[in-house]
Amino acid sequence: MPISVLFSDRSIMQKQTNRLTLLSALAAVLIGFVVILELLLWSQGILAPGQEFWDVLENSIITLMGEYPDKPTTVAGRIFQLLLLIFGTFVFGAIIGKVSSFFVTRALWQEKQMKQFKDHFIVCNWNGKAIGIIHQLLEATKTRPTDIVIVSASLVPDRQELDAYSNIYFIQADPTHHATLESLHASQAKSVILLADEETEGPDEKNALIALAIKHLEQTPGQQKDIHVIAELVKLDRRRHLQEAGADEVVSARDYSSGIIAQTAMFRNMSKVYQQLLTYSDDSNEFYFITPGNYPTHFQGKTFPELSKWISDYNASHVHNPLILLGIKRGDGDILLNPKQDMFHHLAADDSLIVMAFQDVERIA
């Protein structure tokens, strides 16, 4: 089954032309059938309604379907029945040919029109969390809309509320196949999210296969070498399998829920703090990375208190989106939140800032 993407509809005039052509063909077939049937009835001497009329009509329909029923009693009737058999063979052959041509042409047209995705999000598989994740991605990228591609081997249910978005694409295909990922330009994606496929017996194992297929793309010449893969984990003892398969980040809802529940037990309403931080909206704060090259070069070599003071001064002229420096992401990926002096000495050239803000901040200067 060819991979399909959403494409623009044909023009109204083209639709009307196709409809007229189809109606004309059906009319010609009906007229041809009626004419031959009349000749067959005339050859049998049946011009008035009766039992023999329905027998002839039944035999005619059977003949059209490619079978050879009871022979007519007259020579002329046999000739006309043979003509009806030939007529039916050509008609059904033409219909099958048209249907096949339609699907082949449509598949070729879709392949020709396939979009060249880049810097997009790919969501593999579908479950109850998918709608919420997609809405969060839409909210986070509303100032710069980003394509979101959902690929699932089964039909996606409850997708009606997402059909209104022009940057969301639904693909019915197997995401474990290399060809599927190549067709969706996974090597050019911003991130690939592997949701747990709840319809399979081993969702973690399936995600491991997808991660392996994605990592295979990284080894293909001319492809991106660092495809960011986030995998949802179902069974905690499968974490290592996903990591070794190539998932850059493995996320388990059970890991986070246990910590949130424990902290909420210690400090009332703490769950509301996490809820705000994990929800993209104009009225809530979220965490963001400011990567090297997007902050002033004189930051390099500064201590955490010095960076915090600079950010505080920066907020005086950016009151609509104030920043709070929370930590540092080291070049090797380690995260240091509110680091102690002996944990973090100064900012290196490949370090990123971790800030909290109302809106995404790509660059500060």
Protein backbone atom coordinates (compact mmCIF):
# COMPACT_ATOMS: atom_id res chain seq x y z
CA MET A 1 0.00 0.00 0.00
CA PRO A 2 1.57 3.32 -1.06
CA ILE A 3 2.24 5.91 1.57
CA SER A 4 -0.24 8.69 1.30
CA VAL A 5 -0.05 12.30 2.46
CA LEU A 6 -2.73 15.00 2.42
CA PHE A 7 -2.84 16.70 -1.00
CA SER A 8 -4.86 19.52 -2.53
CA ASP A 9 -8.19 18.65 -4.16
CA ARG A 10 -8.63 18.68 -7.91
CA SER A 11 -10.29 21.66 -9.48
CA ILE A 12 -14.08 21.87 -9.65
CA MET A 13 -14.07 21.85 -13.44
CA GLN A 14 -11.98 18.68 -13.53
CA LYS A 15 -14.42 17.01 -11.11
CA GLN A 16 -17.39 18.02 -13.26
CA THR A 17 -15.69 16.70 -16.40
CA ASN A 18 -14.96 13.36 -14.75
CA ARG A 19 -18.55 13.13 -13.52
CA LEU A 20 -19.97 13.81 -17.00
CA THR A 21 -17.63 11.26 -18.56
CA LEU A 22 -18.70 8.62 -16.04
CA LEU A 23 -22.40 9.34 -16.56
CA SER A 24 -21.98 9.19 -20.34
CA ALA A 25 -20.22 5.84 -20.11
CA LEU A 26 -22.93 4.41 -17.83
CA ALA A 27 -25.64 5.67 -20.17
CA ALA A 28 -23.92 4.06 -23.18
CA VAL A 29 -23.62 0.74 -21.33
CA LEU A 30 -27.29 0.85 -20.31
CA ILE A 31 -28.46 1.69 -23.82
CA GLY A 32 -26.32 -1.09 -25.30
CA PHE A 33 -27.73 -3.60 -22.84
CA VAL A 34 -31.33 -2.54 -23.54
CA VAL A 35 -30.85 -2.75 -27.33
CA ILE A 36 -29.32 -6.23 -27.24
CA LEU A 37 -31.96 -7.37 -24.73
CA GLU A 38 -34.74 -6.10 -27.02
CA LEU A 39 -33.22 -7.96 -29.96
CA LEU A 40 -32.94 -11.09 -27.85
CA LEU A 41 -36.59 -10.82 -26.77
CA TRP A 42 -37.66 -10.17 -30.37
CA SER A 43 -35.76 -13.24 -31.57
CA GLN A 44 -37.58 -15.34 -29.02
CA GLY A 45 -40.93 -13.87 -29.97
CA ILE A 46 -41.49 -12.37 -26.54
CA LEU A 47 -42.90 -8.85 -26.70
CA ALA A 48 -45.38 -9.00 -23.81
CA PRO A 49 -44.74 -9.44 -20.07
CA GLY A 50 -44.80 -13.02 -18.84
CA GLN A 51 -42.81 -15.82 -17.32
CA GLU A 52 -40.65 -16.22 -20.42
CA PHE A 53 -39.70 -12.52 -20.33
CA TRP A 54 -38.22 -12.86 -16.86
CA ASP A 55 -36.39 -16.04 -17.91
CA VAL A 56 -34.77 -14.20 -20.81
CA LEU A 57 -33.88 -11.24 -18.57
CA GLU A 58 -32.31 -13.54 -15.98
CA ASN A 59 -30.29 -15.35 -18.65
CA SER A 60 -29.16 -11.99 -20.06
CA ILE A 61 -27.87 -10.82 -16.68
CA ILE A 62 -26.07 -14.16 -16.17
CA THR A 63 -24.52 -13.77 -19.63
CA LEU A 64 -23.31 -10.26 -18.76
CA MET A 65 -21.55 -11.70 -15.70
CA GLY A 66 -19.50 -13.97 -17.96
CA GLU A 67 -21.49 -17.18 -17.54
CA TYR A 68 -23.30 -19.09 -20.29
CA PRO A 69 -26.88 -20.00 -19.20
CA ASP A 70 -29.59 -21.94 -21.06
CA LYS A 71 -29.39 -21.58 -24.83
CA PRO A 72 -32.19 -19.68 -26.59
CA THR A 73 -34.58 -21.74 -28.70
CA THR A 74 -33.86 -19.86 -31.93
CA VAL A 75 -30.69 -19.38 -33.98
CA ALA A 76 -31.10 -15.60 -33.89
CA GLY A 77 -31.47 -15.75 -30.11
CA ARG A 78 -28.21 -17.67 -29.80
CA ILE A 79 -26.44 -15.10 -31.97
CA PHE A 80 -27.77 -12.22 -29.89
CA GLN A 81 -26.87 -14.04 -26.67
CA LEU A 82 -23.32 -14.50 -27.96
CA LEU A 83 -23.20 -10.78 -28.77
CA LEU A 84 -24.41 -10.05 -25.24
CA LEU A 85 -21.62 -12.25 -23.81
CA ILE A 86 -19.00 -10.40 -25.88
CA PHE A 87 -20.58 -7.06 -24.89
CA GLY A 88 -20.44 -7.95 -21.19
CA THR A 89 -16.80 -9.07 -21.44
CA PHE A 90 -15.75 -5.75 -22.99
CA VAL A 91 -17.84 -3.66 -20.58
CA PHE A 92 -16.55 -5.28 -17.40
CA GLY A 93 -13.02 -5.30 -18.79
CA ALA A 94 -13.29 -1.56 -19.45
CA ILE A 95 -14.69 -0.91 -15.96
CA ILE A 96 -11.89 -2.87 -14.27
CA GLY A 97 -9.35 -1.06 -16.46
CA LYS A 98 -10.76 2.34 -15.53
CA VAL A 99 -10.75 1.52 -11.82
CA SER A 100 -7.18 0.24 -11.98
CA SER A 101 -6.11 3.27 -14.00
CA PHE A 102 -7.71 5.59 -11.45
CA PHE A 103 -5.82 4.10 -8.51
CA VAL A 104 -2.51 3.86 -10.39
CA THR A 105 -2.82 7.44 -11.63
CA ARG A 106 -3.80 8.66 -8.15
CA ALA A 107 -0.84 6.85 -6.57
CA LEU A 108 1.58 8.29 -9.14
CA TRP A 109 0.09 11.76 -8.69
CA GLN A 110 0.41 11.53 -4.92
CA GLU A 111 4.01 10.36 -5.21
CA LYS A 112 4.73 13.28 -7.51
CA GLN A 113 3.11 15.71 -5.06
CA MET A 114 4.79 14.29 -1.93
CA LYS A 115 5.90 17.08 0.30
CA GLN A 116 9.53 17.54 1.18
CA PHE A 117 9.32 17.63 4.98
CA LYS A 118 12.08 19.35 6.94
CA ASP A 119 12.46 20.38 10.59
CA HIS A 120 9.17 18.63 11.30
CA PHE A 121 7.88 16.40 14.08
CA ILE A 122 7.12 12.74 13.42
CA VAL A 123 4.80 10.87 15.78
CA CYS A 124 4.95 7.09 15.36
CA ASN A 125 2.01 4.96 16.55
CA TRP A 126 -1.15 6.19 18.24
CA ASN A 127 -2.61 5.96 21.74
CA GLY A 128 -4.64 7.99 24.20
CA LYS A 129 -1.77 10.44 24.86
CA ALA A 130 -1.34 11.39 21.20
CA ILE A 131 -4.01 14.11 21.03
CA GLY A 132 -2.62 15.88 24.11
CA ILE A 133 0.96 15.70 22.82
CA ILE A 134 -0.03 17.09 19.42
CA HIS A 135 -1.97 19.96 21.00
CA GLN A 136 1.06 20.80 23.12
CA LEU A 137 3.29 20.80 20.01
CA LEU A 138 0.80 23.05 18.23
CA GLU A 139 0.72 25.46 21.15
CA ALA A 140 4.51 25.50 21.48
CA THR A 141 5.00 26.27 17.76
CA LYS A 142 2.04 28.55 17.05
CA THR A 143 4.31 31.53 16.36
CA ARG A 144 6.19 29.47 13.74
CA PRO A 145 3.93 26.59 12.61
CA THR A 146 5.79 23.33 12.15
CA ASP A 147 4.63 20.27 10.22
CA ILE A 148 3.52 17.34 12.36
CA VAL A 149 3.40 13.92 10.69
CA ILE A 150 1.51 11.08 12.37
CA VAL A 151 2.34 7.62 11.03
CA SER A 152 0.46 4.55 12.24
CA ALA A 153 -0.03 1.06 10.81
CA SER A 154 -3.70 1.17 11.84
CA LEU A 155 -6.31 3.82 11.20
CA VAL A 156 -6.13 6.80 13.55
CA PRO A 157 -9.35 7.17 15.59
CA ASP A 158 -10.80 10.46 16.84
CA ARG A 159 -8.75 12.56 14.43
CA GLN A 160 -11.60 14.88 13.43
CA GLU A 161 -10.54 17.68 15.77
CA LEU A 162 -7.10 17.73 14.10
CA ASP A 163 -8.34 17.82 10.50
CA ALA A 164 -8.70 21.60 10.66
CA TYR A 165 -4.92 22.06 10.94
CA SER A 166 -3.17 22.35 7.59
CA ASN A 167 0.22 21.41 9.05
CA ILE A 168 -0.89 18.00 10.41
CA TYR A 169 -0.51 14.98 8.14
CA PHE A 170 -1.83 11.46 8.73
CA ILE A 171 0.01 8.52 7.19
CA GLN A 172 -1.21 4.92 7.34
CA ALA A 173 1.96 2.86 7.06
CA ASP A 174 4.27 0.71 9.17
CA PRO A 175 6.82 2.94 10.96
CA THR A 176 9.17 -0.02 11.53
CA HIS A 177 9.98 -0.08 7.80
CA HIS A 178 12.99 1.86 6.59
CA ALA A 179 11.16 2.90 3.41
CA THR A 180 8.37 4.52 5.43
CA LEU A 181 10.80 6.61 7.47
CA GLU A 182 12.78 7.59 4.37
CA SER A 183 9.61 8.70 2.58
CA LEU A 184 8.72 10.91 5.56
CA HIS A 185 12.24 12.40 5.54
CA ALA A 186 12.88 11.27 9.11
CA SER A 187 16.53 12.22 8.74
CA GLN A 188 15.43 15.86 8.37
CA ALA A 189 13.01 15.82 11.32
CA LYS A 190 13.40 18.01 14.37
CA SER A 191 12.31 15.10 16.59
CA VAL A 192 10.77 11.66 16.23
CA ILE A 193 8.34 10.60 18.98
CA LEU A 194 7.70 6.88 19.48
CA LEU A 195 4.42 6.38 21.31
CA ALA A 196 3.56 3.01 22.81
CA ASP A 197 1.36 1.08 20.39
CA GLU A 198 -1.25 -0.33 22.76
CA GLU A 199 -2.66 -2.60 20.04
CA THR A 200 0.50 -4.73 19.98
CA GLU A 201 1.62 -7.27 22.56
CA GLY A 202 5.10 -5.74 22.82
CA PRO A 203 4.94 -1.94 22.42
CA ASP A 204 8.48 -1.47 23.79
CA GLU A 205 9.84 -4.06 21.37
CA LYS A 206 8.10 -2.35 18.44
CA ASN A 207 9.55 1.02 19.44
CA ALA A 208 12.99 -0.58 19.63
CA LEU A 209 12.58 -1.73 16.00
CA ILE A 210 11.58 1.78 14.94
CA ALA A 211 14.56 3.27 16.80
CA LEU A 212 16.89 0.80 15.06
CA ALA A 213 15.43 1.75 11.67
CA ILE A 214 15.95 5.45 12.45
CA LYS A 215 19.52 4.88 13.55
CA HIS A 216 20.08 3.02 10.27
CA LEU A 217 19.20 6.25 8.48
CA GLU A 218 21.96 8.01 10.41
CA GLN A 219 24.45 5.62 8.82
CA THR A 220 23.17 6.34 5.30
CA PRO A 221 25.49 8.66 3.34
CA GLY A 222 24.06 12.14 2.91
CA GLN A 223 21.59 11.81 5.79
CA GLN A 224 21.45 13.70 9.08
CA LYS A 225 23.74 12.05 11.63
CA ASP A 226 21.91 12.93 14.84
CA ILE A 227 18.17 12.25 14.68
CA HIS A 228 16.55 13.07 18.01
CA VAL A 229 14.37 10.10 19.10
CA ILE A 230 12.07 10.13 22.13
CA ALA A 231 10.49 6.79 23.07
CA GLU A 232 7.61 6.14 25.45
CA LEU A 233 8.38 3.27 27.85
CA VAL A 234 5.74 0.84 29.11
CA LYS A 235 7.75 -1.79 31.00
CA LEU A 236 10.46 -0.31 33.18
CA ASP A 237 12.80 -3.29 32.62
CA ARG A 238 12.83 -2.51 28.88
CA ARG A 239 14.52 0.88 29.28
CA ARG A 240 17.96 -0.43 28.39
CA HIS A 241 16.61 -2.16 25.27
CA LEU A 242 15.26 1.13 23.94
CA GLN A 243 18.42 3.01 24.81
CA GLU A 244 20.65 0.45 23.11
CA ALA A 245 18.33 0.46 20.08
CA GLY A 246 19.04 4.16 19.64
CA ALA A 247 16.39 6.10 21.58
CA ASP A 248 18.02 9.32 22.80
CA GLU A 249 15.44 9.84 25.53
CA VAL A 250 13.20 7.24 27.15
CA VAL A 251 10.15 8.58 28.96
CA SER A 252 7.95 6.63 31.35
CA ALA A 253 4.87 8.27 32.83
CA ARG A 254 5.24 6.04 35.89
CA ASP A 255 8.66 7.52 36.65
CA TYR A 256 7.34 11.06 36.81
CA SER A 257 3.99 10.32 38.43
CA SER A 258 5.59 8.59 41.43
CA GLY A 259 7.83 11.59 42.11
CA ILE A 260 5.02 14.10 41.67
CA ILE A 261 2.75 12.15 43.99
CA ALA A 262 5.46 11.93 46.67
CA GLN A 263 6.27 15.66 46.46
CA THR A 264 2.61 16.60 46.52
CA ALA A 265 2.24 14.52 49.67
CA MET A 266 5.03 16.56 51.25
CA PHE A 267 3.96 19.96 49.89
CA ARG A 268 0.31 20.61 49.17
CA ASN A 269 -0.57 21.76 45.61
CA MET A 270 2.89 20.87 44.30
CA SER A 271 1.20 18.97 41.46
CA LYS A 272 -0.17 22.29 40.17
CA VAL A 273 3.38 23.59 39.86
CA TYR A 274 4.35 20.68 37.61
CA GLN A 275 1.12 20.99 35.66
CA GLN A 276 1.91 24.59 34.75
CA LEU A 277 5.50 23.82 33.85
CA LEU A 278 4.44 20.94 31.61
CA THR A 279 1.68 22.83 29.79
CA TYR A 280 2.35 25.21 26.92
CA SER A 281 0.18 28.32 27.08
CA ASP A 282 0.49 32.11 27.05
CA ASP A 283 -0.29 32.28 30.76
CA SER A 284 2.13 29.66 32.07
CA ASN A 285 5.90 29.23 32.25
CA GLU A 286 7.84 26.49 30.56
CA PHE A 287 11.49 25.40 30.41
CA TYR A 288 13.64 26.33 27.42
CA PHE A 289 17.23 25.82 26.27
CA ILE A 290 19.25 28.74 24.92
CA THR A 291 21.96 27.04 22.91
CA PRO A 292 25.52 28.22 22.17
CA GLY A 293 25.55 30.96 19.59
CA ASN A 294 22.21 32.31 20.79
CA TYR A 295 23.58 34.09 23.87
CA PRO A 296 26.39 36.70 24.07
CA THR A 297 29.89 35.30 23.65
CA HIS A 298 31.05 37.13 26.78
CA PHE A 299 28.96 34.66 28.80
CA GLN A 300 31.75 32.12 28.36
CA GLY A 301 33.85 31.90 31.48
CA LYS A 302 31.20 33.42 33.76
CA THR A 303 29.99 31.77 36.96
CA PHE A 304 26.38 30.87 37.63
CA PRO A 305 25.76 33.88 39.95
CA GLU A 306 27.25 36.19 37.32
CA LEU A 307 24.96 34.72 34.64
CA SER A 308 21.95 35.02 36.95
CA LYS A 309 22.69 38.71 37.59
CA TRP A 310 22.99 39.40 33.85
CA ILE A 311 19.62 37.69 33.24
CA SER A 312 18.05 39.74 36.03
CA ASP A 313 19.29 42.97 34.41
CA TYR A 314 18.05 41.70 31.04
CA ASN A 315 14.51 41.34 32.43
CA ALA A 316 14.30 45.07 33.15
CA SER A 317 13.94 45.75 29.41
CA HIS A 318 11.96 42.59 28.59
CA VAL A 319 9.05 42.78 31.00
CA HIS A 320 6.63 40.93 28.69
CA ASN A 321 8.68 37.73 28.78
CA PRO A 322 10.95 37.72 31.86
CA LEU A 323 13.51 34.94 32.22
CA ILE A 324 14.72 32.97 35.23
CA LEU A 325 18.01 31.11 34.90
CA LEU A 326 17.45 27.64 36.34
CA GLY A 327 20.55 25.75 35.34
CA ILE A 328 23.07 24.69 32.74
CA LYS A 329 23.06 21.93 30.15
CA ARG A 330 26.64 20.79 29.66
CA GLY A 331 28.02 19.94 26.26
CA ASP A 332 27.94 16.21 27.10
CA GLY A 333 24.23 16.41 27.95
CA ASP A 334 24.47 16.55 31.75
CA ILE A 335 21.88 18.78 33.43
CA LEU A 336 22.85 21.01 36.36
CA LEU A 337 19.91 22.74 38.04
CA ASN A 338 20.77 25.62 40.39
CA PRO A 339 24.31 24.22 40.64
CA LYS A 340 26.53 24.61 43.66
CA GLN A 341 29.82 26.42 43.23
CA ASP A 342 31.84 23.19 43.38
CA MET A 343 29.55 21.61 40.74
CA PHE A 344 29.81 24.39 38.17
CA HIS A 345 32.76 26.74 37.86
CA HIS A 346 32.15 28.64 34.63
CA LEU A 347 30.20 28.47 31.36
CA ALA A 348 31.97 26.56 28.58
CA ALA A 349 31.64 27.27 24.85
CA ASP A 350 29.37 24.25 24.26
CA ASP A 351 27.10 24.77 27.30
CA SER A 352 23.43 25.78 27.01
CA LEU A 353 21.37 27.90 29.40
CA ILE A 354 18.24 26.44 30.98
CA VAL A 355 15.68 29.18 31.53
CA MET A 356 12.05 29.44 32.57
CA ALA A 357 9.89 31.85 30.55
CA PHE A 358 6.37 32.48 29.32
CA GLN A 359 7.41 32.14 25.68
CA ASP A 360 10.21 30.45 23.81
CA VAL A 361 13.40 32.50 23.70
CA GLU A 362 15.66 31.58 20.82
CA ARG A 363 18.25 34.30 21.32
CA ILE A 364 19.25 36.85 23.94
CA ALA A 365 21.70 39.67 23.33
